[in-house]
Amino acid sequence: MRPQPPSSLFEDINSPTFVPAADMPEWIEATFIDPSSPLHNPEHAHLAHAEIGFLWTVVENSRKGRRIIGQCETGSPQGTMGKWARARAEMQIKQWFGFVPSSPWMPNIAGSAETPSSWC
């Protein structure tokens, strides 16, 4: 069964909240990485050894009028950040995951016409 976001995430959807999705890695492995899975894709084999962190969020995200329901980013802070801002961002990531993952993935579930259970 696909992991579900915690109900506490919906208590105040106007507050930008990010919550680690600790049960997501096992489900992703079984659903997409395991060669015996019906949704297996050999192009994803490199992810079997990647350190990936997952976050739930209710923060809406769209680009060019299209809703984004998930994305991957490198674990290290990006852009033109000063040393303190970079250190603060890395500290937050380490608090969420206990390490700096190579690719955190954030499914966005705010205001979705689809329910998270309909994604797969």
C-alpha atoms as a PDB file:
ATOM      1  CA  MET A   1       0.000   0.000   0.000  1.00  0.00           C
ATOM      2  CA  ARG A   2       1.341   3.403  -0.979  1.00  0.00           C
ATOM      3  CA  PRO A   3       2.358   5.629   1.928  1.00  0.00           C
ATOM      4  CA  GLN A   4      -0.045   8.404   2.832  1.00  0.00           C
ATOM      5  CA  PRO A   5       0.794  11.838   4.203  1.00  0.00           C
ATOM      6  CA  PRO A   6       0.132  12.348   7.906  1.00  0.00           C
ATOM      7  CA  SER A   7      -3.239  13.940   8.652  1.00  0.00           C
ATOM      8  CA  SER A   8      -1.456  16.605  10.727  1.00  0.00           C
ATOM      9  CA  LEU A   9      -0.132  18.039   7.473  1.00  0.00           C
ATOM     10  CA  PHE A  10      -3.647  19.206   6.601  1.00  0.00           C
ATOM     11  CA  GLU A  11      -4.356  21.015   9.872  1.00  0.00           C
ATOM     12  CA  ASP A  12      -3.219  24.353   8.443  1.00  0.00           C
ATOM     13  CA  ILE A  13      -2.634  24.122   4.698  1.00  0.00           C
ATOM     14  CA  ASN A  14      -1.777  27.822   4.603  1.00  0.00           C
ATOM     15  CA  SER A  15       1.342  27.137   6.654  1.00  0.00           C
ATOM     16  CA  PRO A  16       4.300  25.988   4.529  1.00  0.00           C
ATOM     17  CA  THR A  17       5.010  22.606   6.048  1.00  0.00           C
ATOM     18  CA  PHE A  18       7.466  19.928   5.015  1.00  0.00           C
ATOM     19  CA  VAL A  19       7.393  16.553   6.767  1.00  0.00           C
ATOM     20  CA  PRO A  20       9.778  13.639   6.159  1.00  0.00           C
ATOM     21  CA  ALA A  21       8.069  10.678   4.496  1.00  0.00           C
ATOM     22  CA  ALA A  22      10.021   7.937   6.265  1.00  0.00           C
ATOM     23  CA  ASP A  23       7.982   5.051   4.837  1.00  0.00           C
ATOM     24  CA  MET A  24       8.321   6.212   1.216  1.00  0.00           C
ATOM     25  CA  PRO A  25      11.790   4.724   0.400  1.00  0.00           C
ATOM     26  CA  GLU A  26      10.658   1.133   1.019  1.00  0.00           C
ATOM     27  CA  TRP A  27       7.543   1.610  -1.118  1.00  0.00           C
ATOM     28  CA  ILE A  28       9.517   3.298  -3.935  1.00  0.00           C
ATOM     29  CA  GLU A  29      12.016   0.415  -3.912  1.00  0.00           C
ATOM     30  CA  ALA A  30       9.276  -2.233  -4.050  1.00  0.00           C
ATOM     31  CA  THR A  31       7.173  -0.371  -6.624  1.00  0.00           C
ATOM     32  CA  PHE A  32       9.683   1.081  -9.075  1.00  0.00           C
ATOM     33  CA  ILE A  33      13.191  -0.276  -8.433  1.00  0.00           C
ATOM     34  CA  ASP A  34      12.582  -3.991  -7.766  1.00  0.00           C
ATOM     35  CA  PRO A  35      12.948  -5.832 -11.112  1.00  0.00           C
ATOM     36  CA  SER A  36       9.956  -8.061 -10.260  1.00  0.00           C
ATOM     37  CA  SER A  37       7.614  -5.051  -9.888  1.00  0.00           C
ATOM     38  CA  PRO A  38       5.124  -4.443 -12.728  1.00  0.00           C
ATOM     39  CA  LEU A  39       6.155  -0.743 -12.684  1.00  0.00           C
ATOM     40  CA  HIS A  40       9.885  -1.520 -12.854  1.00  0.00           C
ATOM     41  CA  ASN A  41      11.867   0.528 -15.335  1.00  0.00           C
ATOM     42  CA  PRO A  42      15.481  -0.497 -16.039  1.00  0.00           C
ATOM     43  CA  GLU A  43      16.330   3.188 -16.534  1.00  0.00           C
ATOM     44  CA  HIS A  44      15.784   3.655 -12.783  1.00  0.00           C
ATOM     45  CA  ALA A  45      18.345   1.016 -11.771  1.00  0.00           C
ATOM     46  CA  HIS A  46      20.837   3.723 -10.729  1.00  0.00           C
ATOM     47  CA  LEU A  47      18.409   4.774  -7.990  1.00  0.00           C
ATOM     48  CA  ALA A  48      18.837   1.470  -6.148  1.00  0.00           C
ATOM     49  CA  HIS A  49      22.016   2.790  -4.536  1.00  0.00           C
ATOM     50  CA  ALA A  50      21.092   6.475  -4.264  1.00  0.00           C
ATOM     51  CA  GLU A  51      20.508   8.124  -0.901  1.00  0.00           C
ATOM     52  CA  ILE A  52      17.068   9.631  -1.417  1.00  0.00           C
ATOM     53  CA  GLY A  53      15.055  11.551   1.148  1.00  0.00           C
ATOM     54  CA  PHE A  54      11.323  12.091   0.758  1.00  0.00           C
ATOM     55  CA  LEU A  55       9.199  14.963   2.071  1.00  0.00           C
ATOM     56  CA  TRP A  56       5.454  15.537   2.125  1.00  0.00           C
ATOM     57  CA  THR A  57       4.277  19.108   1.618  1.00  0.00           C
ATOM     58  CA  VAL A  58       1.088  21.078   1.131  1.00  0.00           C
ATOM     59  CA  VAL A  59       2.919  23.971  -0.521  1.00  0.00           C
ATOM     60  CA  GLU A  60       1.475  24.338  -4.012  1.00  0.00           C
ATOM     61  CA  ASN A  61       3.892  24.433  -6.909  1.00  0.00           C
ATOM     62  CA  SER A  62       3.177  25.131 -10.574  1.00  0.00           C
ATOM     63  CA  ARG A  63       5.126  26.097 -13.641  1.00  0.00           C
ATOM     64  CA  LYS A  64       3.736  27.482 -16.910  1.00  0.00           C
ATOM     65  CA  GLY A  65       0.185  26.878 -15.706  1.00  0.00           C
ATOM     66  CA  ARG A  66       0.810  23.211 -14.909  1.00  0.00           C
ATOM     67  CA  ARG A  67       0.627  21.765 -11.425  1.00  0.00           C
ATOM     68  CA  ILE A  68       3.747  20.021 -10.165  1.00  0.00           C
ATOM     69  CA  ILE A  69       2.975  17.076  -7.889  1.00  0.00           C
ATOM     70  CA  GLY A  70       6.541  15.984  -7.186  1.00  0.00           C
ATOM     71  CA  GLN A  71      10.118  16.828  -7.963  1.00  0.00           C
ATOM     72  CA  CYS A  72      13.682  15.771  -7.280  1.00  0.00           C
ATOM     73  CA  GLU A  73      16.443  18.074  -6.199  1.00  0.00           C
ATOM     74  CA  THR A  74      20.020  17.512  -5.204  1.00  0.00           C
ATOM     75  CA  GLY A  75      20.392  17.303  -1.448  1.00  0.00           C
ATOM     76  CA  SER A  76      22.875  20.111  -1.140  1.00  0.00           C
ATOM     77  CA  PRO A  77      21.609  23.703  -1.143  1.00  0.00           C
ATOM     78  CA  GLN A  78      21.731  25.351  -4.545  1.00  0.00           C
ATOM     79  CA  GLY A  79      21.917  28.827  -5.936  1.00  0.00           C
ATOM     80  CA  THR A  80      23.718  31.860  -4.704  1.00  0.00           C
ATOM     81  CA  MET A  81      23.544  31.292  -0.981  1.00  0.00           C
ATOM     82  CA  GLY A  82      25.881  32.805   1.547  1.00  0.00           C
ATOM     83  CA  LYS A  83      27.779  30.536   3.907  1.00  0.00           C
ATOM     84  CA  TRP A  84      25.275  30.972   6.739  1.00  0.00           C
ATOM     85  CA  ALA A  85      22.248  30.408   4.512  1.00  0.00           C
ATOM     86  CA  ARG A  86      23.878  27.291   3.029  1.00  0.00           C
ATOM     87  CA  ALA A  87      24.774  25.965   6.500  1.00  0.00           C
ATOM     88  CA  ARG A  88      21.233  26.639   7.734  1.00  0.00           C
ATOM     89  CA  ALA A  89      19.736  24.820   4.724  1.00  0.00           C
ATOM     90  CA  GLU A  90      22.049  21.837   5.215  1.00  0.00           C
ATOM     91  CA  MET A  91      21.161  21.741   8.908  1.00  0.00           C
ATOM     92  CA  GLN A  92      17.437  21.568   8.030  1.00  0.00           C
ATOM     93  CA  ILE A  93      18.036  18.732   5.581  1.00  0.00           C
ATOM     94  CA  LYS A  94      20.081  16.826   8.173  1.00  0.00           C
ATOM     95  CA  GLN A  95      17.286  17.340  10.733  1.00  0.00           C
ATOM     96  CA  TRP A  96      14.760  15.866   8.297  1.00  0.00           C
ATOM     97  CA  PHE A  97      16.797  12.878   7.097  1.00  0.00           C
ATOM     98  CA  GLY A  98      19.809  12.479   9.381  1.00  0.00           C
ATOM     99  CA  PHE A  99      22.062  12.941   6.334  1.00  0.00           C
ATOM    100  CA  VAL A 100      22.232  15.047   3.165  1.00  0.00           C
ATOM    101  CA  PRO A 101      20.538  12.837   0.554  1.00  0.00           C
ATOM    102  CA  SER A 102      21.717  12.826  -3.034  1.00  0.00           C
ATOM    103  CA  SER A 103      18.113  13.500  -4.145  1.00  0.00           C
ATOM    104  CA  PRO A 104      15.259  14.598  -1.884  1.00  0.00           C
ATOM    105  CA  TRP A 105      11.883  14.077  -3.537  1.00  0.00           C
ATOM    106  CA  MET A 106       8.869  16.152  -2.542  1.00  0.00           C
ATOM    107  CA  PRO A 107       5.360  15.129  -3.515  1.00  0.00           C
ATOM    108  CA  ASN A 108       3.014  18.103  -3.398  1.00  0.00           C
ATOM    109  CA  ILE A 109      -0.463  17.148  -2.244  1.00  0.00           C
ATOM    110  CA  ALA A 110      -2.076  20.582  -1.766  1.00  0.00           C
ATOM    111  CA  GLY A 111      -5.254  21.271  -3.674  1.00  0.00           C
ATOM    112  CA  SER A 112      -4.831  18.241  -5.890  1.00  0.00           C
ATOM    113  CA  ALA A 113      -7.803  17.106  -7.935  1.00  0.00           C
ATOM    114  CA  GLU A 114      -6.269  13.670  -7.669  1.00  0.00           C
ATOM    115  CA  THR A 115      -6.036  11.895  -4.368  1.00  0.00           C
ATOM    116  CA  PRO A 116      -2.544  10.663  -3.492  1.00  0.00           C
ATOM    117  CA  SER A 117      -3.809   7.081  -3.687  1.00  0.00           C
ATOM    118  CA  SER A 118      -4.664   7.592  -7.383  1.00  0.00           C
ATOM    119  CA  TRP A 119      -1.060   8.342  -8.352  1.00  0.00           C
ATOM    120  CA  CYS A 120      -0.264   4.668  -8.887  1.00  0.00           C
END
